[in-house]
C-alpha atoms as a PDB file:
ATOM      1  CA  UNK A   1     -56.027  -3.402  52.505  1.00  0.00           C
ATOM      2  CA  UNK A   2     -57.818  -6.571  53.623  1.00  0.00           C
ATOM      3  CA  UNK A   3     -61.196  -5.966  51.923  1.00  0.00           C
ATOM      4  CA  UNK A   4     -63.298  -8.847  50.683  1.00  0.00           C
ATOM      5  CA  UNK A   5     -66.476  -8.956  48.637  1.00  0.00           C
ATOM      6  CA  UNK A   6     -69.389  -9.303  51.045  1.00  0.00           C
ATOM      7  CA  UNK A   7     -72.262  -9.214  48.559  1.00  0.00           C
ATOM      8  CA  UNK A   8     -73.702  -7.448  45.545  1.00  0.00           C
ATOM      9  CA  UNK A   9     -76.987  -5.587  45.241  1.00  0.00           C
ATOM     10  CA  UNK A  10     -77.825  -4.766  41.653  1.00  0.00           C
ATOM     11  CA  UNK A  11     -74.928  -2.822  40.171  1.00  0.00           C
ATOM     12  CA  UNK A  12     -73.236  -2.114  43.521  1.00  0.00           C
ATOM     13  CA  UNK A  13     -70.648  -4.322  45.236  1.00  0.00           C
ATOM     14  CA  UNK A  14     -70.288  -4.239  49.019  1.00  0.00           C
ATOM     15  CA  UNK A  15     -66.669  -4.633  50.167  1.00  0.00           C
ATOM     16  CA  UNK A  16     -65.880  -5.243  53.823  1.00  0.00           C
ATOM     17  CA  UNK A  17     -62.856  -5.277  56.093  1.00  0.00           C
ATOM     18  CA  UNK A  18     -63.215  -6.706  59.594  1.00  0.00           C
ATOM     19  CA  UNK A  19     -60.159  -5.285  61.417  1.00  0.00           C
ATOM     20  CA  UNK A  20     -60.359  -2.324  61.592  1.00  0.00           C
ATOM     21  CA  UNK A  21     -63.977  -2.418  60.450  1.00  0.00           C
ATOM     22  CA  UNK A  22     -64.754  -0.641  57.195  1.00  0.00           C
ATOM     23  CA  UNK A  23     -67.379  -1.144  54.525  1.00  0.00           C
ATOM     24  CA  UNK A  24     -67.358   0.304  51.013  1.00  0.00           C
ATOM     25  CA  UNK A  25     -70.053   0.420  48.369  1.00  0.00           C
ATOM     26  CA  UNK A  26     -68.481   0.330  44.916  1.00  0.00           C
ATOM     27  CA  UNK A  27     -70.515   0.767  41.715  1.00  0.00           C
ATOM     28  CA  UNK A  28     -69.988  -2.069  39.216  1.00  0.00           C
ATOM     29  CA  UNK A  29     -69.836   0.151  36.132  1.00  0.00           C
ATOM     30  CA  UNK A  30     -67.436   0.256  33.193  1.00  0.00           C
ATOM     31  CA  UNK A  31     -66.455   3.810  34.129  1.00  0.00           C
ATOM     32  CA  UNK A  32     -66.561   5.701  37.423  1.00  0.00           C
ATOM     33  CA  UNK A  33     -66.897   9.427  37.883  1.00  0.00           C
ATOM     34  CA  UNK A  34     -63.692  11.009  39.174  1.00  0.00           C
ATOM     35  CA  UNK A  35     -65.439  12.198  42.344  1.00  0.00           C
ATOM     36  CA  UNK A  36     -66.888   8.742  43.020  1.00  0.00           C
ATOM     37  CA  UNK A  37     -63.467   7.141  42.653  1.00  0.00           C
ATOM     38  CA  UNK A  38     -61.874   9.692  44.989  1.00  0.00           C
ATOM     39  CA  UNK A  39     -64.594   9.079  47.579  1.00  0.00           C
ATOM     40  CA  UNK A  40     -63.997   5.310  47.453  1.00  0.00           C
ATOM     41  CA  UNK A  41     -60.232   5.807  47.845  1.00  0.00           C
ATOM     42  CA  UNK A  42     -60.811   8.184  50.775  1.00  0.00           C
ATOM     43  CA  UNK A  43     -63.252   5.786  52.499  1.00  0.00           C
ATOM     44  CA  UNK A  44     -60.663   3.004  52.172  1.00  0.00           C
ATOM     45  CA  UNK A  45     -58.175   5.268  54.005  1.00  0.00           C
ATOM     46  CA  UNK A  46     -55.786   5.245  51.054  1.00  0.00           C
ATOM     47  CA  UNK A  47     -53.800   8.034  49.522  1.00  0.00           C
ATOM     48  CA  UNK A  48     -53.944   8.527  45.771  1.00  0.00           C
ATOM     49  CA  UNK A  49     -50.354   7.263  45.406  1.00  0.00           C
ATOM     50  CA  UNK A  50     -51.165   4.147  47.464  1.00  0.00           C
ATOM     51  CA  UNK A  51     -54.216   3.466  45.299  1.00  0.00           C
ATOM     52  CA  UNK A  52     -52.261   3.858  42.062  1.00  0.00           C
ATOM     53  CA  UNK A  53     -49.609   1.486  43.390  1.00  0.00           C
ATOM     54  CA  UNK A  54     -52.313  -1.170  43.936  1.00  0.00           C
ATOM     55  CA  UNK A  55     -53.462  -0.965  40.297  1.00  0.00           C
END
């Protein structure tokens, strides 16, 4: 994946990848809504199976 933690603003973590460029905003909460999690996975250009494999 190649993402690294760029910074944190309040309860949100900014993750960044330089090549190819991508930036994700991930809430730093104990639980995430299903839709929020799916959006993060989609923005990272991952499939659900790929994401589960990374866990």
